Amino acid sequence: MKFGLSLPTYAPLGSPQAIVELAEGAERVGLASLWTMERLLRPVAPVSPGHGVPAAVLPPLYASVYDPLETLSYVAARTSRIRLGTSVLDALFHPPVVLARRIATLDQLSGGRLDIGLGQGLIPQEFEAAGIPMSRRGNGYEEHIAAMRAVWAADPVRFDGRFYQIAESQIGPKPVQPGGPPLLGGAAFPAGIERIARMGLGFNVSVNSPDLADLGDAIAMFRQAAQNAGRDPGTLPVVVRVNGSVTVKPPAGERAPLTGSVTQVADDLATLHALDVDQVFWQMDTEPADQLEALEQLLAQVESR
């Protein structure tokens, strides 16, 4: 199992200096990956992601978030080995030919170190700002990814879909990684999980419950859906996102799974190992130096067990 960190691209930690400090330090201590997220805006009004989830005010950190691909381009120039990922890009907010070219360019500039997590989006105000109807989720998401894969294939490119059309054209550059970077689907509800499994995407899942058994259920659902679709679940990576911090000292109060002291998190990781998780990364709210110290200690403790 590999470990990574989310770059500090959001308020109040986000700055070019903090991003470089964490990126260069993560590569130095031997982490596998760095991740960014996308947020177009933070509505003032409470937001519900649907599916009966009560509306809530979004976290203040969403008020200012650096663009993910521009940030990763900046980091690609300051690193040489560590992989770079999005968790997640909201695919529908970008025309597929435009997004595919941006991703291919970054894959070229990074030497093929890119992993792309793609979500459908949840916030109605973001769809409104992007000029895209929320009804395009589902079928539109599938078609968007199919169009990008067409762009990454051999020229001439042509795509004729319900939502997107690309006239027969030469479109470059092509990604370094054949067929494009590995794609992960971000999903939290059964319909979305089944969709990304059917499409042959990897699974980018967040820990959103105080019980890691719920994470296990989501991963099992994904793998069963992949098998039902005639795909080999063992070829589809599972990447777990943790929104919380690993610390050198134990926390004062209660903790969420995969957060807390280095020893507590190392114990939790046994569950992820049993679930055959490929990678886990943390979005922390601590200073870059503290994040690096904690993850370096975590690496050492896991390797010694």
C-alpha atoms as a PDB file:
ATOM      1  CA  MET A   1       0.000   0.000   0.000  1.00  0.00           C
ATOM      2  CA  LYS A   2       1.279   3.426  -0.980  1.00  0.00           C
ATOM      3  CA  PHE A   3       0.901   6.726   0.881  1.00  0.00           C
ATOM      4  CA  GLY A   4       0.376  10.287  -0.293  1.00  0.00           C
ATOM      5  CA  LEU A   5      -0.608  13.800   0.728  1.00  0.00           C
ATOM      6  CA  SER A   6      -3.005  16.422  -0.561  1.00  0.00           C
ATOM      7  CA  LEU A   7      -1.239  19.636  -1.476  1.00  0.00           C
ATOM      8  CA  PRO A   8      -2.169  22.769   0.525  1.00  0.00           C
ATOM      9  CA  THR A   9      -4.101  24.434  -2.288  1.00  0.00           C
ATOM     10  CA  TYR A  10      -6.886  25.813  -0.098  1.00  0.00           C
ATOM     11  CA  ALA A  11      -7.349  28.538   2.513  1.00  0.00           C
ATOM     12  CA  PRO A  12      -5.797  29.266   4.927  1.00  0.00           C
ATOM     13  CA  LEU A  13      -2.742  27.046   4.278  1.00  0.00           C
ATOM     14  CA  GLY A  14      -2.556  27.512   0.523  1.00  0.00           C
ATOM     15  CA  SER A  15       0.390  29.423  -0.910  1.00  0.00           C
ATOM     16  CA  PRO A  16       3.042  28.774  -3.570  1.00  0.00           C
ATOM     17  CA  GLN A  17       5.642  28.429  -0.820  1.00  0.00           C
ATOM     18  CA  ALA A  18       3.620  25.879   1.159  1.00  0.00           C
ATOM     19  CA  ILE A  19       2.849  23.880  -1.983  1.00  0.00           C
ATOM     20  CA  VAL A  20       6.527  23.620  -2.943  1.00  0.00           C
ATOM     21  CA  GLU A  21       7.600  22.835   0.625  1.00  0.00           C
ATOM     22  CA  LEU A  22       5.176  19.946   0.864  1.00  0.00           C
ATOM     23  CA  ALA A  23       5.830  18.662  -2.661  1.00  0.00           C
ATOM     24  CA  GLU A  24       9.608  18.602  -2.408  1.00  0.00           C
ATOM     25  CA  GLY A  25       9.472  17.237   1.132  1.00  0.00           C
ATOM     26  CA  ALA A  26       7.043  14.455   0.184  1.00  0.00           C
ATOM     27  CA  GLU A  27       9.353  13.291  -2.575  1.00  0.00           C
ATOM     28  CA  ARG A  28      12.335  13.479  -0.229  1.00  0.00           C
ATOM     29  CA  VAL A  29      10.772  11.300   2.495  1.00  0.00           C
ATOM     30  CA  GLY A  30       9.583   8.681  -0.008  1.00  0.00           C
ATOM     31  CA  LEU A  31       5.853   9.287  -0.369  1.00  0.00           C
ATOM     32  CA  ALA A  32       4.210   7.971  -3.534  1.00  0.00           C
ATOM     33  CA  SER A  33       1.852  10.746  -4.552  1.00  0.00           C
ATOM     34  CA  LEU A  34       0.559  14.305  -4.257  1.00  0.00           C
ATOM     35  CA  TRP A  35      -3.066  15.284  -4.862  1.00  0.00           C
ATOM     36  CA  THR A  36      -5.155  18.361  -5.624  1.00  0.00           C
ATOM     37  CA  MET A  37      -8.888  19.044  -5.568  1.00  0.00           C
ATOM     38  CA  GLU A  38     -11.224  21.294  -7.558  1.00  0.00           C
ATOM     39  CA  ARG A  39     -13.738  23.762  -6.167  1.00  0.00           C
ATOM     40  CA  LEU A  40     -15.173  26.504  -8.384  1.00  0.00           C
ATOM     41  CA  LEU A  41     -16.822  28.440  -5.581  1.00  0.00           C
ATOM     42  CA  ARG A  42     -18.209  28.253  -2.043  1.00  0.00           C
ATOM     43  CA  PRO A  43     -21.901  29.117  -1.902  1.00  0.00           C
ATOM     44  CA  VAL A  44     -22.929  31.185   1.094  1.00  0.00           C
ATOM     45  CA  ALA A  45     -26.180  29.213   1.373  1.00  0.00           C
ATOM     46  CA  PRO A  46     -26.228  25.664   2.817  1.00  0.00           C
ATOM     47  CA  VAL A  47     -25.792  22.925   0.202  1.00  0.00           C
ATOM     48  CA  SER A  48     -27.084  19.369   0.027  1.00  0.00           C
ATOM     49  CA  PRO A  49     -25.379  16.795  -2.220  1.00  0.00           C
ATOM     50  CA  GLY A  50     -28.751  15.092  -2.668  1.00  0.00           C
ATOM     51  CA  HIS A  51     -29.830  11.542  -1.848  1.00  0.00           C
ATOM     52  CA  GLY A  52     -31.569  12.749   1.323  1.00  0.00           C
ATOM     53  CA  VAL A  53     -28.430  14.284   2.834  1.00  0.00           C
ATOM     54  CA  PRO A  54     -29.323  17.369   4.920  1.00  0.00           C
ATOM     55  CA  ALA A  55     -28.090  20.717   3.625  1.00  0.00           C
ATOM     56  CA  ALA A  56     -25.031  22.129   5.377  1.00  0.00           C
ATOM     57  CA  VAL A  57     -22.709  25.101   5.074  1.00  0.00           C
ATOM     58  CA  LEU A  58     -19.570  24.131   3.177  1.00  0.00           C
ATOM     59  CA  PRO A  59     -16.191  24.333   4.956  1.00  0.00           C
ATOM     60  CA  PRO A  60     -14.478  27.742   4.861  1.00  0.00           C
ATOM     61  CA  LEU A  61     -11.462  26.243   3.085  1.00  0.00           C
ATOM     62  CA  TYR A  62     -13.565  25.976  -0.106  1.00  0.00           C
ATOM     63  CA  ALA A  63     -13.661  29.780  -0.370  1.00  0.00           C
ATOM     64  CA  SER A  64     -10.229  29.886  -2.023  1.00  0.00           C
ATOM     65  CA  VAL A  65      -8.827  26.851  -3.846  1.00  0.00           C
ATOM     66  CA  TYR A  66      -5.987  26.881  -6.388  1.00  0.00           C
ATOM     67  CA  ASP A  67      -6.792  25.331  -9.770  1.00  0.00           C
ATOM     68  CA  PRO A  68      -5.710  21.665  -9.681  1.00  0.00           C
ATOM     69  CA  LEU A  69      -4.020  21.268 -13.073  1.00  0.00           C
ATOM     70  CA  GLU A  70      -2.107  24.538 -12.929  1.00  0.00           C
ATOM     71  CA  THR A  71      -0.946  23.599  -9.425  1.00  0.00           C
ATOM     72  CA  LEU A  72       0.238  20.174 -10.573  1.00  0.00           C
ATOM     73  CA  SER A  73       2.113  21.749 -13.492  1.00  0.00           C
ATOM     74  CA  TYR A  74       3.920  23.961 -10.994  1.00  0.00           C
ATOM     75  CA  VAL A  75       4.725  20.958  -8.815  1.00  0.00           C
ATOM     76  CA  ALA A  76       5.803  18.822 -11.783  1.00  0.00           C
ATOM     77  CA  ALA A  77       8.600  21.309 -12.453  1.00  0.00           C
ATOM     78  CA  ARG A  78       9.830  21.037  -8.854  1.00  0.00           C
ATOM     79  CA  THR A  79       9.788  17.221  -8.545  1.00  0.00           C
ATOM     80  CA  SER A  80      11.005  14.278 -10.607  1.00  0.00           C
ATOM     81  CA  ARG A  81       9.622  11.007  -9.213  1.00  0.00           C
ATOM     82  CA  ILE A  82       6.456  11.440  -7.173  1.00  0.00           C
ATOM     83  CA  ARG A  83       3.110  10.870  -8.911  1.00  0.00           C
ATOM     84  CA  LEU A  84       0.608  13.690  -9.251  1.00  0.00           C
ATOM     85  CA  GLY A  85      -3.147  13.292  -8.978  1.00  0.00           C
ATOM     86  CA  THR A  86      -6.526  15.019  -8.844  1.00  0.00           C
ATOM     87  CA  SER A  87      -9.116  14.091  -6.247  1.00  0.00           C
ATOM     88  CA  VAL A  88     -11.235  15.132  -7.909  1.00  0.00           C
ATOM     89  CA  LEU A  89     -11.683  17.188 -11.055  1.00  0.00           C
ATOM     90  CA  ASP A  90     -15.352  17.858 -11.814  1.00  0.00           C
ATOM     91  CA  ALA A  91     -15.317  16.651 -15.412  1.00  0.00           C
ATOM     92  CA  LEU A  92     -18.610  18.164 -16.513  1.00  0.00           C
ATOM     93  CA  PHE A  93     -17.459  21.732 -15.842  1.00  0.00           C
ATOM     94  CA  HIS A  94     -14.942  21.480 -18.713  1.00  0.00           C
ATOM     95  CA  PRO A  95     -15.449  20.721 -22.445  1.00  0.00           C
ATOM     96  CA  PRO A  96     -13.930  17.250 -22.955  1.00  0.00           C
ATOM     97  CA  VAL A  97     -11.573  18.246 -25.782  1.00  0.00           C
ATOM     98  CA  VAL A  98     -10.242  21.157 -23.692  1.00  0.00           C
ATOM     99  CA  LEU A  99      -9.797  19.082 -20.545  1.00  0.00           C
ATOM    100  CA  ALA A 100      -8.258  16.179 -22.462  1.00  0.00           C
ATOM    101  CA  ARG A 101      -5.637  18.483 -24.011  1.00  0.00           C
ATOM    102  CA  ARG A 102      -4.809  20.089 -20.658  1.00  0.00           C
ATOM    103  CA  ILE A 103      -4.381  16.673 -19.060  1.00  0.00           C
ATOM    104  CA  ALA A 104      -2.261  15.402 -21.974  1.00  0.00           C
ATOM    105  CA  THR A 105      -0.041  18.480 -21.761  1.00  0.00           C
ATOM    106  CA  LEU A 106       0.494  17.955 -18.044  1.00  0.00           C
ATOM    107  CA  ASP A 107       1.205  14.262 -18.592  1.00  0.00           C
ATOM    108  CA  GLN A 108       3.892  15.286 -21.087  1.00  0.00           C
ATOM    109  CA  LEU A 109       5.382  17.959 -18.808  1.00  0.00           C
ATOM    110  CA  SER A 110       5.480  15.588 -15.821  1.00  0.00           C
ATOM    111  CA  GLY A 111       7.001  12.690 -17.732  1.00  0.00           C
ATOM    112  CA  GLY A 112       3.910  10.497 -17.407  1.00  0.00           C
ATOM    113  CA  ARG A 113       3.401  10.877 -13.646  1.00  0.00           C
ATOM    114  CA  LEU A 114      -0.279  11.763 -13.722  1.00  0.00           C
ATOM    115  CA  ASP A 115      -3.341  10.070 -12.183  1.00  0.00           C
ATOM    116  CA  ILE A 116      -6.720  11.706 -12.759  1.00  0.00           C
ATOM    117  CA  GLY A 117      -9.661  11.408 -10.394  1.00  0.00           C
ATOM    118  CA  LEU A 118     -12.893  12.569 -12.038  1.00  0.00           C
ATOM    119  CA  GLY A 119     -16.147  13.406 -10.317  1.00  0.00           C
ATOM    120  CA  GLN A 120     -19.573  14.470 -11.544  1.00  0.00           C
ATOM    121  CA  GLY A 121     -20.003  17.442  -9.213  1.00  0.00           C
ATOM    122  CA  LEU A 122     -22.506  17.897  -6.379  1.00  0.00           C
ATOM    123  CA  ILE A 123     -23.047  21.614  -5.837  1.00  0.00           C
ATOM    124  CA  PRO A 124     -25.948  23.132  -7.837  1.00  0.00           C
ATOM    125  CA  GLN A 125     -24.403  26.622  -7.754  1.00  0.00           C
ATOM    126  CA  GLU A 126     -21.243  25.305  -9.442  1.00  0.00           C
ATOM    127  CA  PHE A 127     -23.275  23.771 -12.284  1.00  0.00           C
ATOM    128  CA  GLU A 128     -25.084  27.078 -12.690  1.00  0.00           C
ATOM    129  CA  ALA A 129     -21.795  29.005 -12.782  1.00  0.00           C
ATOM    130  CA  ALA A 130     -20.337  26.555 -15.326  1.00  0.00           C
ATOM    131  CA  GLY A 131     -23.430  26.778 -17.541  1.00  0.00           C
ATOM    132  CA  ILE A 132     -24.057  23.023 -17.361  1.00  0.00           C
ATOM    133  CA  PRO A 133     -27.367  21.434 -16.244  1.00  0.00           C
ATOM    134  CA  MET A 134     -27.168  19.010 -13.337  1.00  0.00           C
ATOM    135  CA  SER A 135     -29.271  16.624 -15.432  1.00  0.00           C
ATOM    136  CA  ARG A 136     -26.129  15.918 -17.481  1.00  0.00           C
ATOM    137  CA  ARG A 137     -24.734  13.849 -14.625  1.00  0.00           C
ATOM    138  CA  GLY A 138     -24.742  10.118 -15.240  1.00  0.00           C
ATOM    139  CA  ASN A 139     -24.960   9.653 -19.005  1.00  0.00           C
ATOM    140  CA  GLY A 140     -23.164  12.941 -19.645  1.00  0.00           C
ATOM    141  CA  TYR A 141     -20.317  11.930 -17.334  1.00  0.00           C
ATOM    142  CA  GLU A 142     -19.862   8.635 -19.172  1.00  0.00           C
ATOM    143  CA  GLU A 143     -19.903  10.349 -22.553  1.00  0.00           C
ATOM    144  CA  HIS A 144     -17.458  13.030 -21.380  1.00  0.00           C
ATOM    145  CA  ILE A 145     -14.878  10.406 -20.419  1.00  0.00           C
ATOM    146  CA  ALA A 146     -15.448   8.503 -23.657  1.00  0.00           C
ATOM    147  CA  ALA A 147     -14.790  11.724 -25.591  1.00  0.00           C
ATOM    148  CA  MET A 148     -11.553  12.372 -23.701  1.00  0.00           C
ATOM    149  CA  ARG A 149     -10.380   8.826 -24.338  1.00  0.00           C
ATOM    150  CA  ALA A 150     -11.062   9.406 -28.030  1.00  0.00           C
ATOM    151  CA  VAL A 151      -8.891  12.543 -27.943  1.00  0.00           C
ATOM    152  CA  TRP A 152      -6.051  10.543 -26.373  1.00  0.00           C
ATOM    153  CA  ALA A 153      -6.251   7.824 -29.046  1.00  0.00           C
ATOM    154  CA  ALA A 154      -4.573   7.894 -32.456  1.00  0.00           C
ATOM    155  CA  ASP A 155      -5.372  10.626 -34.957  1.00  0.00           C
ATOM    156  CA  PRO A 156      -7.624  11.361 -36.684  1.00  0.00           C
ATOM    157  CA  VAL A 157      -9.971  11.842 -33.730  1.00  0.00           C
ATOM    158  CA  ARG A 158     -13.722  11.820 -34.234  1.00  0.00           C
ATOM    159  CA  PHE A 159     -16.501  11.669 -31.666  1.00  0.00           C
ATOM    160  CA  ASP A 160     -20.247  11.791 -32.210  1.00  0.00           C
ATOM    161  CA  GLY A 161     -22.261  11.732 -29.002  1.00  0.00           C
ATOM    162  CA  ARG A 162     -25.496  13.017 -27.576  1.00  0.00           C
ATOM    163  CA  PHE A 163     -23.814  15.802 -25.604  1.00  0.00           C
ATOM    164  CA  TYR A 164     -20.401  16.184 -27.251  1.00  0.00           C
ATOM    165  CA  GLN A 165     -19.180  16.182 -30.850  1.00  0.00           C
ATOM    166  CA  ILE A 166     -15.633  16.388 -32.183  1.00  0.00           C
ATOM    167  CA  ALA A 167     -15.148  16.764 -35.925  1.00  0.00           C
ATOM    168  CA  GLU A 168     -12.554  14.496 -37.521  1.00  0.00           C
ATOM    169  CA  SER A 169      -9.341  16.194 -36.463  1.00  0.00           C
ATOM    170  CA  GLN A 170      -5.738  15.878 -35.449  1.00  0.00           C
ATOM    171  CA  ILE A 171      -5.516  16.647 -31.734  1.00  0.00           C
ATOM    172  CA  GLY A 172      -2.269  16.751 -29.803  1.00  0.00           C
ATOM    173  CA  PRO A 173      -0.238  16.399 -27.782  1.00  0.00           C
ATOM    174  CA  LYS A 174      -1.044  12.845 -26.818  1.00  0.00           C
ATOM    175  CA  PRO A 175      -0.318  11.733 -23.241  1.00  0.00           C
ATOM    176  CA  VAL A 176       2.928   9.956 -22.400  1.00  0.00           C
ATOM    177  CA  GLN A 177       0.919   7.149 -20.807  1.00  0.00           C
ATOM    178  CA  PRO A 178      -0.682   5.099 -23.603  1.00  0.00           C
ATOM    179  CA  GLY A 179      -4.413   5.687 -23.765  1.00  0.00           C
ATOM    180  CA  GLY A 180      -4.141   8.493 -21.244  1.00  0.00           C
ATOM    181  CA  PRO A 181      -3.411   8.678 -17.521  1.00  0.00           C
ATOM    182  CA  PRO A 182      -5.025   6.137 -15.169  1.00  0.00           C
ATOM    183  CA  LEU A 183      -8.548   7.342 -14.389  1.00  0.00           C
ATOM    184  CA  LEU A 184     -10.264   7.125 -11.013  1.00  0.00           C
ATOM    185  CA  GLY A 185     -13.931   7.819 -10.436  1.00  0.00           C
ATOM    186  CA  GLY A 186     -15.033   9.696  -7.360  1.00  0.00           C
ATOM    187  CA  ALA A 187     -18.344   8.355  -6.053  1.00  0.00           C
ATOM    188  CA  ALA A 188     -20.134   8.005  -2.712  1.00  0.00           C
ATOM    189  CA  PHE A 189     -23.565   6.573  -3.575  1.00  0.00           C
ATOM    190  CA  PRO A 190     -24.463   3.156  -5.077  1.00  0.00           C
ATOM    191  CA  ALA A 191     -25.467   4.397  -8.546  1.00  0.00           C
ATOM    192  CA  GLY A 192     -22.216   6.306  -8.952  1.00  0.00           C
ATOM    193  CA  ILE A 193     -20.100   3.459  -7.605  1.00  0.00           C
ATOM    194  CA  GLU A 194     -21.710   0.997  -9.998  1.00  0.00           C
ATOM    195  CA  ARG A 195     -21.251   3.419 -12.906  1.00  0.00           C
ATOM    196  CA  ILE A 196     -17.516   3.910 -12.471  1.00  0.00           C
ATOM    197  CA  ALA A 197     -17.006   0.169 -12.014  1.00  0.00           C
ATOM    198  CA  ARG A 198     -18.910  -0.543 -15.242  1.00  0.00           C
ATOM    199  CA  MET A 199     -16.782   2.076 -17.045  1.00  0.00           C
ATOM    200  CA  GLY A 200     -13.559   0.421 -15.924  1.00  0.00           C
ATOM    201  CA  LEU A 201     -12.357   3.332 -13.792  1.00  0.00           C
ATOM    202  CA  GLY A 202     -10.484   2.975 -10.542  1.00  0.00           C
ATOM    203  CA  PHE A 203     -12.274   3.928  -7.315  1.00  0.00           C
ATOM    204  CA  ASN A 204     -11.389   7.133  -5.433  1.00  0.00           C
ATOM    205  CA  VAL A 205     -13.341   6.817  -2.192  1.00  0.00           C
ATOM    206  CA  SER A 206     -13.368   9.131   0.837  1.00  0.00           C
ATOM    207  CA  VAL A 207     -13.610   7.990   4.444  1.00  0.00           C
ATOM    208  CA  ASN A 208     -16.908   9.571   5.495  1.00  0.00           C
ATOM    209  CA  SER A 209     -17.957   7.331   8.365  1.00  0.00           C
ATOM    210  CA  PRO A 210     -16.695   6.664  11.903  1.00  0.00           C
ATOM    211  CA  ASP A 211     -16.797   2.945  11.075  1.00  0.00           C
ATOM    212  CA  LEU A 212     -14.263   1.562   8.599  1.00  0.00           C
ATOM    213  CA  ALA A 213     -16.719  -1.252   7.894  1.00  0.00           C
ATOM    214  CA  ASP A 214     -18.671   1.252   5.775  1.00  0.00           C
ATOM    215  CA  LEU A 215     -15.556   1.833   3.687  1.00  0.00           C
ATOM    216  CA  GLY A 216     -15.235  -1.918   3.257  1.00  0.00           C
ATOM    217  CA  ASP A 217     -18.842  -2.134   2.096  1.00  0.00           C
ATOM    218  CA  ALA A 218     -18.275   0.574  -0.542  1.00  0.00           C
ATOM    219  CA  ILE A 219     -15.148  -1.139  -1.859  1.00  0.00           C
ATOM    220  CA  ALA A 220     -16.921  -4.511  -1.962  1.00  0.00           C
ATOM    221  CA  MET A 221     -19.812  -2.913  -3.885  1.00  0.00           C
ATOM    222  CA  PHE A 222     -17.362  -1.442  -6.387  1.00  0.00           C
ATOM    223  CA  ARG A 223     -15.558  -4.720  -6.969  1.00  0.00           C
ATOM    224  CA  GLN A 224     -18.772  -6.705  -7.300  1.00  0.00           C
ATOM    225  CA  ALA A 225     -20.126  -4.187  -9.810  1.00  0.00           C
ATOM    226  CA  ALA A 226     -16.908  -4.437 -11.818  1.00  0.00           C
ATOM    227  CA  GLN A 227     -17.174  -8.220 -11.862  1.00  0.00           C
ATOM    228  CA  ASN A 228     -20.831  -8.035 -12.891  1.00  0.00           C
ATOM    229  CA  ALA A 229     -19.778  -5.814 -15.797  1.00  0.00           C
ATOM    230  CA  GLY A 230     -17.255  -8.397 -16.977  1.00  0.00           C
ATOM    231  CA  ARG A 231     -14.207  -6.534 -15.689  1.00  0.00           C
ATOM    232  CA  ASP A 232     -11.397  -7.858 -13.540  1.00  0.00           C
ATOM    233  CA  PRO A 233     -11.666  -6.004 -10.191  1.00  0.00           C
ATOM    234  CA  GLY A 234      -8.020  -6.753  -9.486  1.00  0.00           C
ATOM    235  CA  THR A 235      -6.962  -4.457 -12.330  1.00  0.00           C
ATOM    236  CA  LEU A 236      -8.943  -1.443 -11.023  1.00  0.00           C
ATOM    237  CA  PRO A 237      -7.076   0.515  -8.332  1.00  0.00           C
ATOM    238  CA  VAL A 238      -8.710   1.658  -5.098  1.00  0.00           C
ATOM    239  CA  VAL A 239      -7.429   4.955  -3.688  1.00  0.00           C
ATOM    240  CA  VAL A 240      -8.700   6.091  -0.282  1.00  0.00           C
ATOM    241  CA  ARG A 241      -8.880   9.777   0.631  1.00  0.00           C
ATOM    242  CA  VAL A 242      -8.772  10.793   4.306  1.00  0.00           C
ATOM    243  CA  ASN A 243      -9.893  14.286   5.292  1.00  0.00           C
ATOM    244  CA  GLY A 244      -7.994  14.627   8.538  1.00  0.00           C
ATOM    245  CA  SER A 245      -4.539  14.767  10.047  1.00  0.00           C
ATOM    246  CA  VAL A 246      -1.878  12.326  11.158  1.00  0.00           C
ATOM    247  CA  THR A 247       0.042  13.724  14.134  1.00  0.00           C
ATOM    248  CA  VAL A 248       3.174  12.847  16.027  1.00  0.00           C
ATOM    249  CA  LYS A 249       1.369  13.169  19.369  1.00  0.00           C
ATOM    250  CA  PRO A 250      -2.006  11.551  20.188  1.00  0.00           C
ATOM    251  CA  PRO A 251      -5.023  13.863  19.775  1.00  0.00           C
ATOM    252  CA  ALA A 252      -6.639  15.305  22.880  1.00  0.00           C
ATOM    253  CA  GLY A 253     -10.171  14.092  22.069  1.00  0.00           C
ATOM    254  CA  GLU A 254     -11.877  11.514  19.910  1.00  0.00           C
ATOM    255  CA  ARG A 255     -10.552  10.837  16.441  1.00  0.00           C
ATOM    256  CA  ALA A 256     -11.932   9.708  13.111  1.00  0.00           C
ATOM    257  CA  PRO A 257     -10.619   6.542  11.413  1.00  0.00           C
ATOM    258  CA  LEU A 258      -7.174   6.887   9.837  1.00  0.00           C
ATOM    259  CA  THR A 259      -6.494  10.093  11.756  1.00  0.00           C
ATOM    260  CA  GLY A 260      -4.750  10.687  15.064  1.00  0.00           C
ATOM    261  CA  SER A 261      -1.302   9.669  16.184  1.00  0.00           C
ATOM    262  CA  VAL A 262       1.157   7.810  13.984  1.00  0.00           C
ATOM    263  CA  THR A 263       0.642   4.624  16.023  1.00  0.00           C
ATOM    264  CA  GLN A 264      -3.160   4.892  15.907  1.00  0.00           C
ATOM    265  CA  VAL A 265      -3.148   5.369  12.141  1.00  0.00           C
ATOM    266  CA  ALA A 266      -0.674   2.521  11.641  1.00  0.00           C
ATOM    267  CA  ASP A 267      -3.120   0.262  13.511  1.00  0.00           C
ATOM    268  CA  ASP A 268      -6.015   1.431  11.301  1.00  0.00           C
ATOM    269  CA  LEU A 269      -4.032   0.725   8.163  1.00  0.00           C
ATOM    270  CA  ALA A 270      -4.264  -2.996   8.887  1.00  0.00           C
ATOM    271  CA  THR A 271      -7.934  -2.762   7.890  1.00  0.00           C
ATOM    272  CA  LEU A 272      -7.063  -1.090   4.576  1.00  0.00           C
ATOM    273  CA  HIS A 273      -4.419  -3.722   3.935  1.00  0.00           C
ATOM    274  CA  ALA A 274      -7.042  -6.432   4.449  1.00  0.00           C
ATOM    275  CA  LEU A 275      -9.280  -4.630   1.942  1.00  0.00           C
ATOM    276  CA  ASP A 276      -6.466  -4.668  -0.681  1.00  0.00           C
ATOM    277  CA  VAL A 277      -6.444  -0.875  -0.922  1.00  0.00           C
ATOM    278  CA  ASP A 278      -3.749   0.283  -3.329  1.00  0.00           C
ATOM    279  CA  GLN A 279      -3.153   3.738  -1.900  1.00  0.00           C
ATOM    280  CA  VAL A 280      -4.251   6.102   0.854  1.00  0.00           C
ATOM    281  CA  PHE A 281      -3.623   9.821   1.083  1.00  0.00           C
ATOM    282  CA  TRP A 282      -4.449  12.516   3.604  1.00  0.00           C
ATOM    283  CA  GLN A 283      -5.778  16.050   3.270  1.00  0.00           C
ATOM    284  CA  MET A 284      -4.500  17.617   6.484  1.00  0.00           C
ATOM    285  CA  ASP A 285      -5.030  20.961   8.178  1.00  0.00           C
ATOM    286  CA  THR A 286      -1.562  21.133   9.750  1.00  0.00           C
ATOM    287  CA  GLU A 287       1.575  22.921   8.587  1.00  0.00           C
ATOM    288  CA  PRO A 288       3.619  21.240   5.807  1.00  0.00           C
ATOM    289  CA  ALA A 289       6.564  20.506   8.107  1.00  0.00           C
ATOM    290  CA  ASP A 290       4.251  18.780  10.602  1.00  0.00           C
ATOM    291  CA  GLN A 291       2.601  16.732   7.863  1.00  0.00           C
ATOM    292  CA  LEU A 292       5.956  15.556   6.552  1.00  0.00           C
ATOM    293  CA  GLU A 293       7.255  14.638   9.998  1.00  0.00           C
ATOM    294  CA  ALA A 294       4.142  12.596  10.763  1.00  0.00           C
ATOM    295  CA  LEU A 295       4.097  10.768   7.416  1.00  0.00           C
ATOM    296  CA  GLU A 296       7.821  10.020   7.592  1.00  0.00           C
ATOM    297  CA  GLN A 297       7.275   8.435  11.000  1.00  0.00           C
ATOM    298  CA  LEU A 298       4.232   6.555   9.690  1.00  0.00           C
ATOM    299  CA  LEU A 299       6.244   5.134   6.799  1.00  0.00           C
ATOM    300  CA  ALA A 300       8.943   3.959   9.192  1.00  0.00           C
ATOM    301  CA  GLN A 301       6.476   2.383  11.592  1.00  0.00           C
ATOM    302  CA  VAL A 302       4.551   0.550   8.866  1.00  0.00           C
ATOM    303  CA  GLU A 303       7.769  -0.769   7.335  1.00  0.00           C
ATOM    304  CA  SER A 304       8.960  -2.056  10.715  1.00  0.00           C
ATOM    305  CA  ARG A 305       5.825  -4.098  11.413  1.00  0.00           C
END
